């Protein structure tokens, strides 16, 4: 399927999940005590937002967000300790008051 071609009904194309992702965390001074940040979405489910590159974390999430790098096994450990319903890759959760453009 070429870029820009719409998916037809009944077909699905998935991007490969990157080997590691950048995951927003709380901002304690000691990185060992930071926690992964979860979000409640409108329907009440818990979501984890992750980013395939640092520039996407800064552009879509928050430019000064603390983060940790996780592979799939680490994401599973996060889920085991703090279950989440949704995992979003490279999605803007709408946390900024501005339009995301640097002034």
C-alpha atoms as a PDB file:
ATOM      1  CA  UNK A   1       0.000   0.000   0.000  1.00  0.00           C
ATOM      2  CA  UNK A   2       1.427   3.377  -1.004  1.00  0.00           C
ATOM      3  CA  UNK A   3       1.661   6.308   1.410  1.00  0.00           C
ATOM      4  CA  UNK A   4      -1.497   8.380   1.359  1.00  0.00           C
ATOM      5  CA  UNK A   5      -3.692   5.526   0.091  1.00  0.00           C
ATOM      6  CA  UNK A   6      -6.741   5.054   2.281  1.00  0.00           C
ATOM      7  CA  UNK A   7      -7.290   1.732   3.996  1.00  0.00           C
ATOM      8  CA  UNK A   8     -10.205  -0.158   2.542  1.00  0.00           C
ATOM      9  CA  UNK A   9     -12.867  -1.655   4.744  1.00  0.00           C
ATOM     10  CA  UNK A  10     -11.758  -4.931   6.260  1.00  0.00           C
ATOM     11  CA  UNK A  11      -8.038  -4.202   5.917  1.00  0.00           C
ATOM     12  CA  UNK A  12      -5.710  -3.013   8.594  1.00  0.00           C
ATOM     13  CA  UNK A  13      -2.166  -1.770   8.414  1.00  0.00           C
ATOM     14  CA  UNK A  14      -0.180  -1.469  11.621  1.00  0.00           C
ATOM     15  CA  UNK A  15       3.073   0.325  12.177  1.00  0.00           C
ATOM     16  CA  UNK A  16       5.741  -1.764  13.787  1.00  0.00           C
ATOM     17  CA  UNK A  17       6.168  -0.969  17.472  1.00  0.00           C
ATOM     18  CA  UNK A  18       9.628   0.535  18.053  1.00  0.00           C
ATOM     19  CA  UNK A  19      12.177  -1.473  20.063  1.00  0.00           C
ATOM     20  CA  UNK A  20      12.183   1.225  22.783  1.00  0.00           C
ATOM     21  CA  UNK A  21       9.897   4.131  23.639  1.00  0.00           C
ATOM     22  CA  UNK A  22      10.195   7.269  25.754  1.00  0.00           C
ATOM     23  CA  UNK A  23       7.671   7.218  28.596  1.00  0.00           C
ATOM     24  CA  UNK A  24       6.760  10.368  30.583  1.00  0.00           C
ATOM     25  CA  UNK A  25       7.458  10.155  34.316  1.00  0.00           C
ATOM     26  CA  UNK A  26       6.977  12.232  37.424  1.00  0.00           C
ATOM     27  CA  UNK A  27       9.718  14.777  38.077  1.00  0.00           C
ATOM     28  CA  UNK A  28      11.362  13.814  41.381  1.00  0.00           C
ATOM     29  CA  UNK A  29      15.028  14.778  41.733  1.00  0.00           C
ATOM     30  CA  UNK A  30      15.999  11.133  42.258  1.00  0.00           C
ATOM     31  CA  UNK A  31      15.243   9.217  39.031  1.00  0.00           C
ATOM     32  CA  UNK A  32      14.981   5.984  41.045  1.00  0.00           C
ATOM     33  CA  UNK A  33      11.736   7.174  42.673  1.00  0.00           C
ATOM     34  CA  UNK A  34      10.047   8.559  39.554  1.00  0.00           C
ATOM     35  CA  UNK A  35       6.784   6.952  38.463  1.00  0.00           C
ATOM     36  CA  UNK A  36       5.360   6.508  34.995  1.00  0.00           C
ATOM     37  CA  UNK A  37       2.569   9.034  34.378  1.00  0.00           C
ATOM     38  CA  UNK A  38      -0.855   7.572  33.599  1.00  0.00           C
ATOM     39  CA  UNK A  39      -3.848   9.556  32.331  1.00  0.00           C
ATOM     40  CA  UNK A  40      -7.596   9.070  32.573  1.00  0.00           C
ATOM     41  CA  UNK A  41      -9.326   9.520  29.235  1.00  0.00           C
ATOM     42  CA  UNK A  42     -12.888  10.809  28.829  1.00  0.00           C
ATOM     43  CA  UNK A  43     -14.514   7.380  29.130  1.00  0.00           C
ATOM     44  CA  UNK A  44     -12.680   6.639  32.407  1.00  0.00           C
ATOM     45  CA  UNK A  45     -10.079   4.229  31.057  1.00  0.00           C
ATOM     46  CA  UNK A  46      -6.431   4.611  32.018  1.00  0.00           C
ATOM     47  CA  UNK A  47      -4.011   5.482  29.221  1.00  0.00           C
ATOM     48  CA  UNK A  48      -0.247   5.397  28.937  1.00  0.00           C
ATOM     49  CA  UNK A  49       1.237   7.714  26.308  1.00  0.00           C
ATOM     50  CA  UNK A  50       4.614   6.673  24.871  1.00  0.00           C
ATOM     51  CA  UNK A  51       6.816   8.188  22.175  1.00  0.00           C
ATOM     52  CA  UNK A  52       9.073   6.631  19.566  1.00  0.00           C
ATOM     53  CA  UNK A  53      11.589   9.496  19.649  1.00  0.00           C
ATOM     54  CA  UNK A  54      12.614  12.309  21.979  1.00  0.00           C
ATOM     55  CA  UNK A  55      11.449  15.006  19.571  1.00  0.00           C
ATOM     56  CA  UNK A  56       7.973  13.451  19.487  1.00  0.00           C
ATOM     57  CA  UNK A  57       7.831  13.356  23.285  1.00  0.00           C
ATOM     58  CA  UNK A  58       8.661  17.068  23.378  1.00  0.00           C
ATOM     59  CA  UNK A  59       6.335  17.990  20.510  1.00  0.00           C
ATOM     60  CA  UNK A  60       3.283  15.915  21.480  1.00  0.00           C
ATOM     61  CA  UNK A  61       3.556  15.652  25.271  1.00  0.00           C
ATOM     62  CA  UNK A  62       5.415  18.430  27.095  1.00  0.00           C
ATOM     63  CA  UNK A  63       8.816  19.865  26.168  1.00  0.00           C
ATOM     64  CA  UNK A  64      10.162  19.659  29.723  1.00  0.00           C
ATOM     65  CA  UNK A  65       8.728  16.251  30.653  1.00  0.00           C
ATOM     66  CA  UNK A  66      10.884  13.797  32.569  1.00  0.00           C
ATOM     67  CA  UNK A  67      11.076  10.397  30.915  1.00  0.00           C
ATOM     68  CA  UNK A  68      12.374   6.864  31.013  1.00  0.00           C
ATOM     69  CA  UNK A  69      13.236   4.594  28.093  1.00  0.00           C
ATOM     70  CA  UNK A  70      11.287   1.315  28.055  1.00  0.00           C
ATOM     71  CA  UNK A  71      11.319  -1.732  25.851  1.00  0.00           C
ATOM     72  CA  UNK A  72       8.281  -4.006  25.513  1.00  0.00           C
ATOM     73  CA  UNK A  73       9.300  -6.094  28.541  1.00  0.00           C
ATOM     74  CA  UNK A  74       9.547  -2.949  30.690  1.00  0.00           C
ATOM     75  CA  UNK A  75       6.132  -1.764  29.457  1.00  0.00           C
ATOM     76  CA  UNK A  76       4.725  -5.130  30.516  1.00  0.00           C
ATOM     77  CA  UNK A  77       6.262  -4.681  33.980  1.00  0.00           C
ATOM     78  CA  UNK A  78       4.674  -1.218  34.193  1.00  0.00           C
ATOM     79  CA  UNK A  79       1.328  -2.759  33.223  1.00  0.00           C
ATOM     80  CA  UNK A  80       1.742  -5.544  35.799  1.00  0.00           C
ATOM     81  CA  UNK A  81       2.426  -3.016  38.575  1.00  0.00           C
ATOM     82  CA  UNK A  82       0.008  -0.281  37.442  1.00  0.00           C
ATOM     83  CA  UNK A  83      -2.456  -1.621  34.888  1.00  0.00           C
ATOM     84  CA  UNK A  84      -3.477   0.607  32.004  1.00  0.00           C
ATOM     85  CA  UNK A  85      -6.237   0.059  29.458  1.00  0.00           C
ATOM     86  CA  UNK A  86      -4.822   1.970  26.511  1.00  0.00           C
ATOM     87  CA  UNK A  87      -1.327   2.433  25.129  1.00  0.00           C
ATOM     88  CA  UNK A  88      -0.934   5.389  22.770  1.00  0.00           C
ATOM     89  CA  UNK A  89       2.145   5.733  20.569  1.00  0.00           C
ATOM     90  CA  UNK A  90       3.096   9.237  19.342  1.00  0.00           C
ATOM     91  CA  UNK A  91      -0.274  10.770  20.260  1.00  0.00           C
ATOM     92  CA  UNK A  92      -0.903  14.254  21.655  1.00  0.00           C
ATOM     93  CA  UNK A  93      -2.871  13.913  24.924  1.00  0.00           C
ATOM     94  CA  UNK A  94      -3.844  17.607  24.824  1.00  0.00           C
ATOM     95  CA  UNK A  95      -1.856  18.720  27.871  1.00  0.00           C
ATOM     96  CA  UNK A  96      -0.622  22.019  26.453  1.00  0.00           C
ATOM     97  CA  UNK A  97      -2.450  25.308  26.762  1.00  0.00           C
ATOM     98  CA  UNK A  98      -0.858  26.518  23.532  1.00  0.00           C
ATOM     99  CA  UNK A  99      -0.882  25.021  20.063  1.00  0.00           C
ATOM    100  CA  UNK A 100       2.504  23.349  20.596  1.00  0.00           C
ATOM    101  CA  UNK A 101       4.389  25.908  18.549  1.00  0.00           C
ATOM    102  CA  UNK A 102       7.510  27.366  20.131  1.00  0.00           C
ATOM    103  CA  UNK A 103       7.503  31.137  20.384  1.00  0.00           C
END
